[in-house]
Amino acid sequence: MKVDKTVIIITGVGLAIGLAEALVYYNLGTNANREKFKFGIPKGKELAKNMGVVLATSALTALISYQIEKSLEAKTATPSLSQ
């Protein structure tokens, strides 16, 4: 399967937004029992795991979106039998 620039763009945007979302959840979890909220970024293996999950889900979203788009394009390009 040829991967076009749309897949790369969707993956990149998904990675940026997904990482921001993961950091929000990380901070909500680490600050759950604290009186004062303190923003932090995970380090080492924990950061790598978070980025890996976000990258995988972003790439999967992009590939599925690409396949759906191509499927819809193929259906609209095919003349219907009723014409």
N, C-alpha and C. Protein backbone atom coordinates (compact mmCIF):
# COMPACT_ATOMS: atom_id res chain seq x y z
N MET A 1 0.83 -1.18 0.00
CA MET A 1 0.00 0.00 0.00
C MET A 1 0.88 1.24 0.00
N LYS A 2 0.58 2.15 -0.90
CA LYS A 2 1.31 3.40 -0.97
C LYS A 2 0.73 4.36 0.07
N VAL A 3 1.58 4.94 0.87
CA VAL A 3 1.14 5.89 1.89
C VAL A 3 1.34 7.29 1.34
N ASP A 4 0.24 8.05 1.28
CA ASP A 4 0.37 9.40 0.75
C ASP A 4 0.55 10.42 1.87
N LYS A 5 0.68 11.68 1.49
CA LYS A 5 0.96 12.73 2.47
C LYS A 5 -0.17 12.93 3.46
N THR A 6 -1.40 12.59 3.10
CA THR A 6 -2.52 12.73 4.02
C THR A 6 -2.31 11.86 5.25
N VAL A 7 -1.85 10.64 5.06
CA VAL A 7 -1.59 9.74 6.18
C VAL A 7 -0.51 10.32 7.08
N ILE A 8 0.51 10.88 6.50
CA ILE A 8 1.60 11.47 7.29
C ILE A 8 1.10 12.69 8.06
N ILE A 9 0.28 13.51 7.41
CA ILE A 9 -0.26 14.70 8.08
C ILE A 9 -1.16 14.30 9.23
N ILE A 10 -2.08 13.37 8.98
CA ILE A 10 -3.00 12.94 10.04
C ILE A 10 -2.23 12.31 11.20
N THR A 11 -1.21 11.52 10.89
CA THR A 11 -0.40 10.91 11.95
C THR A 11 0.31 11.99 12.77
N GLY A 12 0.90 12.96 12.10
CA GLY A 12 1.61 14.04 12.80
C GLY A 12 0.70 14.86 13.69
N VAL A 13 -0.45 15.25 13.14
CA VAL A 13 -1.40 16.04 13.93
C VAL A 13 -1.94 15.20 15.08
N GLY A 14 -2.25 13.95 14.80
CA GLY A 14 -2.73 13.06 15.86
C GLY A 14 -1.69 12.87 16.95
N LEU A 15 -0.44 12.79 16.55
CA LEU A 15 0.64 12.64 17.53
C LEU A 15 0.74 13.87 18.42
N ALA A 16 0.68 15.05 17.82
CA ALA A 16 0.77 16.28 18.61
C ALA A 16 -0.40 16.43 19.57
N ILE A 17 -1.61 16.24 19.06
CA ILE A 17 -2.79 16.38 19.90
C ILE A 17 -2.85 15.25 20.94
N GLY A 18 -2.54 14.04 20.51
CA GLY A 18 -2.56 12.89 21.41
C GLY A 18 -1.55 13.02 22.53
N LEU A 19 -0.37 13.54 22.22
CA LEU A 19 0.65 13.71 23.26
C LEU A 19 0.20 14.78 24.27
N ALA A 20 -0.40 15.84 23.77
CA ALA A 20 -0.92 16.88 24.67
C ALA A 20 -2.00 16.29 25.57
N GLU A 21 -2.88 15.49 25.00
CA GLU A 21 -3.94 14.84 25.78
C GLU A 21 -3.34 13.88 26.81
N ALA A 22 -2.35 13.11 26.41
CA ALA A 22 -1.70 12.17 27.32
C ALA A 22 -1.05 12.92 28.49
N LEU A 23 -0.46 14.07 28.21
CA LEU A 23 0.16 14.85 29.28
C LEU A 23 -0.88 15.40 30.26
N VAL A 24 -2.04 15.79 29.72
CA VAL A 24 -3.12 16.25 30.60
C VAL A 24 -3.54 15.12 31.53
N TYR A 25 -3.79 13.94 30.97
CA TYR A 25 -4.20 12.81 31.80
C TYR A 25 -3.11 12.40 32.79
N TYR A 26 -1.88 12.42 32.34
CA TYR A 26 -0.75 12.10 33.23
C TYR A 26 -0.74 13.05 34.42
N ASN A 27 -0.89 14.33 34.14
CA ASN A 27 -0.86 15.32 35.22
C ASN A 27 -2.08 15.26 36.11
N LEU A 28 -3.23 14.97 35.55
CA LEU A 28 -4.42 14.79 36.39
C LEU A 28 -4.22 13.62 37.35
N GLY A 29 -3.63 12.56 36.84
CA GLY A 29 -3.38 11.38 37.68
C GLY A 29 -2.33 11.62 38.75
N THR A 30 -1.25 12.27 38.38
CA THR A 30 -0.17 12.48 39.36
C THR A 30 -0.52 13.55 40.39
N ASN A 31 -1.49 14.39 40.08
CA ASN A 31 -1.89 15.45 41.00
C ASN A 31 -3.19 15.14 41.73
N ALA A 32 -3.71 13.96 41.59
CA ALA A 32 -5.01 13.61 42.16
C ALA A 32 -5.07 13.79 43.67
N ASN A 33 -4.01 13.46 44.37
CA ASN A 33 -4.03 13.54 45.83
C ASN A 33 -3.20 14.71 46.37
N ARG A 34 -2.94 15.69 45.54
CA ARG A 34 -2.17 16.85 45.98
C ARG A 34 -3.09 18.06 46.12
N GLU A 35 -2.75 18.93 47.04
CA GLU A 35 -3.53 20.16 47.20
C GLU A 35 -3.19 21.16 46.11
N LYS A 36 -1.93 21.23 45.73
CA LYS A 36 -1.49 22.20 44.72
C LYS A 36 -1.11 21.45 43.44
N PHE A 37 -1.69 21.89 42.33
CA PHE A 37 -1.41 21.26 41.03
C PHE A 37 -0.02 21.64 40.56
N LYS A 38 0.74 20.63 40.15
CA LYS A 38 2.09 20.87 39.62
C LYS A 38 2.22 20.12 38.30
N PHE A 39 2.46 20.87 37.21
CA PHE A 39 2.59 20.27 35.88
C PHE A 39 3.95 19.59 35.75
N GLY A 40 3.94 18.41 35.16
CA GLY A 40 5.19 17.70 34.93
C GLY A 40 5.11 16.85 33.67
N ILE A 41 6.26 16.47 33.18
CA ILE A 41 6.35 15.60 32.00
C ILE A 41 7.04 14.32 32.45
N PRO A 42 6.46 13.16 32.11
CA PRO A 42 7.10 11.91 32.52
C PRO A 42 8.50 11.79 31.91
N LYS A 43 9.31 11.03 32.56
CA LYS A 43 10.71 10.87 32.11
C LYS A 43 10.97 9.42 31.70
N GLY A 44 11.98 9.24 30.92
CA GLY A 44 12.49 7.93 30.57
C GLY A 44 11.48 6.98 29.95
N LYS A 45 11.40 5.78 30.56
CA LYS A 45 10.54 4.72 30.01
C LYS A 45 9.07 5.11 30.01
N GLU A 46 8.64 5.85 31.01
CA GLU A 46 7.23 6.25 31.08
C GLU A 46 6.88 7.18 29.92
N LEU A 47 7.75 8.13 29.61
CA LEU A 47 7.54 9.02 28.47
C LEU A 47 7.55 8.22 27.17
N ALA A 48 8.49 7.30 27.05
CA ALA A 48 8.58 6.47 25.84
C ALA A 48 7.32 5.63 25.65
N LYS A 49 6.79 5.07 26.72
CA LYS A 49 5.56 4.27 26.62
C LYS A 49 4.39 5.15 26.17
N ASN A 50 4.26 6.32 26.79
CA ASN A 50 3.19 7.24 26.40
C ASN A 50 3.30 7.63 24.93
N MET A 51 4.50 7.98 24.49
CA MET A 51 4.69 8.38 23.10
C MET A 51 4.44 7.21 22.15
N GLY A 52 4.83 6.02 22.54
CA GLY A 52 4.60 4.84 21.71
C GLY A 52 3.12 4.56 21.51
N VAL A 53 2.35 4.65 22.58
CA VAL A 53 0.91 4.43 22.48
C VAL A 53 0.27 5.51 21.61
N VAL A 54 0.65 6.76 21.84
CA VAL A 54 0.07 7.86 21.06
C VAL A 54 0.45 7.73 19.58
N LEU A 55 1.69 7.39 19.30
CA LEU A 55 2.12 7.22 17.91
C LEU A 55 1.37 6.08 17.24
N ALA A 56 1.22 4.97 17.94
CA ALA A 56 0.51 3.82 17.37
C ALA A 56 -0.95 4.16 17.08
N THR A 57 -1.62 4.82 18.02
CA THR A 57 -3.02 5.15 17.79
C THR A 57 -3.18 6.23 16.73
N SER A 58 -2.24 7.15 16.64
CA SER A 58 -2.29 8.17 15.60
C SER A 58 -2.10 7.56 14.21
N ALA A 59 -1.14 6.67 14.09
CA ALA A 59 -0.90 6.00 12.81
C ALA A 59 -2.10 5.14 12.41
N LEU A 60 -2.66 4.43 13.37
CA LEU A 60 -3.82 3.60 13.10
C LEU A 60 -5.01 4.45 12.65
N THR A 61 -5.23 5.56 13.32
CA THR A 61 -6.31 6.48 12.93
C THR A 61 -6.10 6.99 11.50
N ALA A 62 -4.87 7.36 11.18
CA ALA A 62 -4.57 7.87 9.84
C ALA A 62 -4.79 6.79 8.78
N LEU A 63 -4.33 5.59 9.03
CA LEU A 63 -4.48 4.51 8.05
C LEU A 63 -5.95 4.13 7.85
N ILE A 64 -6.71 4.06 8.94
CA ILE A 64 -8.13 3.73 8.82
C ILE A 64 -8.86 4.85 8.09
N SER A 65 -8.56 6.10 8.42
CA SER A 65 -9.17 7.24 7.73
C SER A 65 -8.87 7.20 6.24
N TYR A 66 -7.63 6.90 5.90
CA TYR A 66 -7.20 6.81 4.51
C TYR A 66 -7.98 5.72 3.76
N GLN A 67 -8.11 4.56 4.40
CA GLN A 67 -8.83 3.46 3.76
C GLN A 67 -10.32 3.79 3.58
N ILE A 68 -10.92 4.43 4.57
CA ILE A 68 -12.33 4.83 4.45
C ILE A 68 -12.49 5.85 3.33
N GLU A 69 -11.60 6.82 3.27
CA GLU A 69 -11.67 7.83 2.21
C GLU A 69 -11.55 7.19 0.83
N LYS A 70 -10.61 6.28 0.66
CA LYS A 70 -10.42 5.61 -0.63
C LYS A 70 -11.64 4.76 -0.98
N SER A 71 -12.22 4.11 0.01
CA SER A 71 -13.41 3.29 -0.22
C SER A 71 -14.58 4.16 -0.67
N LEU A 72 -14.76 5.30 -0.01
CA LEU A 72 -15.84 6.21 -0.40
C LEU A 72 -15.62 6.80 -1.78
N GLU A 73 -14.36 7.11 -2.11
CA GLU A 73 -14.05 7.62 -3.45
C GLU A 73 -14.35 6.58 -4.51
N ALA A 74 -14.04 5.33 -4.22
CA ALA A 74 -14.28 4.25 -5.18
C ALA A 74 -15.77 4.06 -5.41
N LYS A 75 -16.56 4.19 -4.33
CA LYS A 75 -18.00 4.01 -4.47
C LYS A 75 -18.63 5.14 -5.27
N THR A 76 -18.15 6.36 -5.09
CA THR A 76 -18.73 7.47 -5.85
C THR A 76 -18.26 7.48 -7.28
N ALA A 77 -17.12 6.87 -7.56
CA ALA A 77 -16.61 6.81 -8.93
C ALA A 77 -17.27 5.69 -9.73
N THR A 78 -17.85 4.70 -9.06
CA THR A 78 -18.50 3.58 -9.72
C THR A 78 -19.92 3.98 -10.09
N PRO A 79 -20.27 3.90 -11.37
CA PRO A 79 -21.65 4.24 -11.76
C PRO A 79 -22.62 3.23 -11.19
N SER A 80 -23.79 3.70 -10.76
CA SER A 80 -24.78 2.79 -10.20
C SER A 80 -25.49 2.04 -11.31
N LEU A 81 -26.07 0.91 -10.98
CA LEU A 81 -26.74 0.07 -11.97
C LEU A 81 -28.08 0.68 -12.42
N SER A 82 -28.63 1.59 -11.64
CA SER A 82 -29.93 2.16 -11.98
C SER A 82 -29.85 3.24 -13.04
N GLN A 83 -28.67 3.66 -13.44
CA GLN A 83 -28.54 4.73 -14.45
C GLN A 83 -28.60 4.20 -15.83
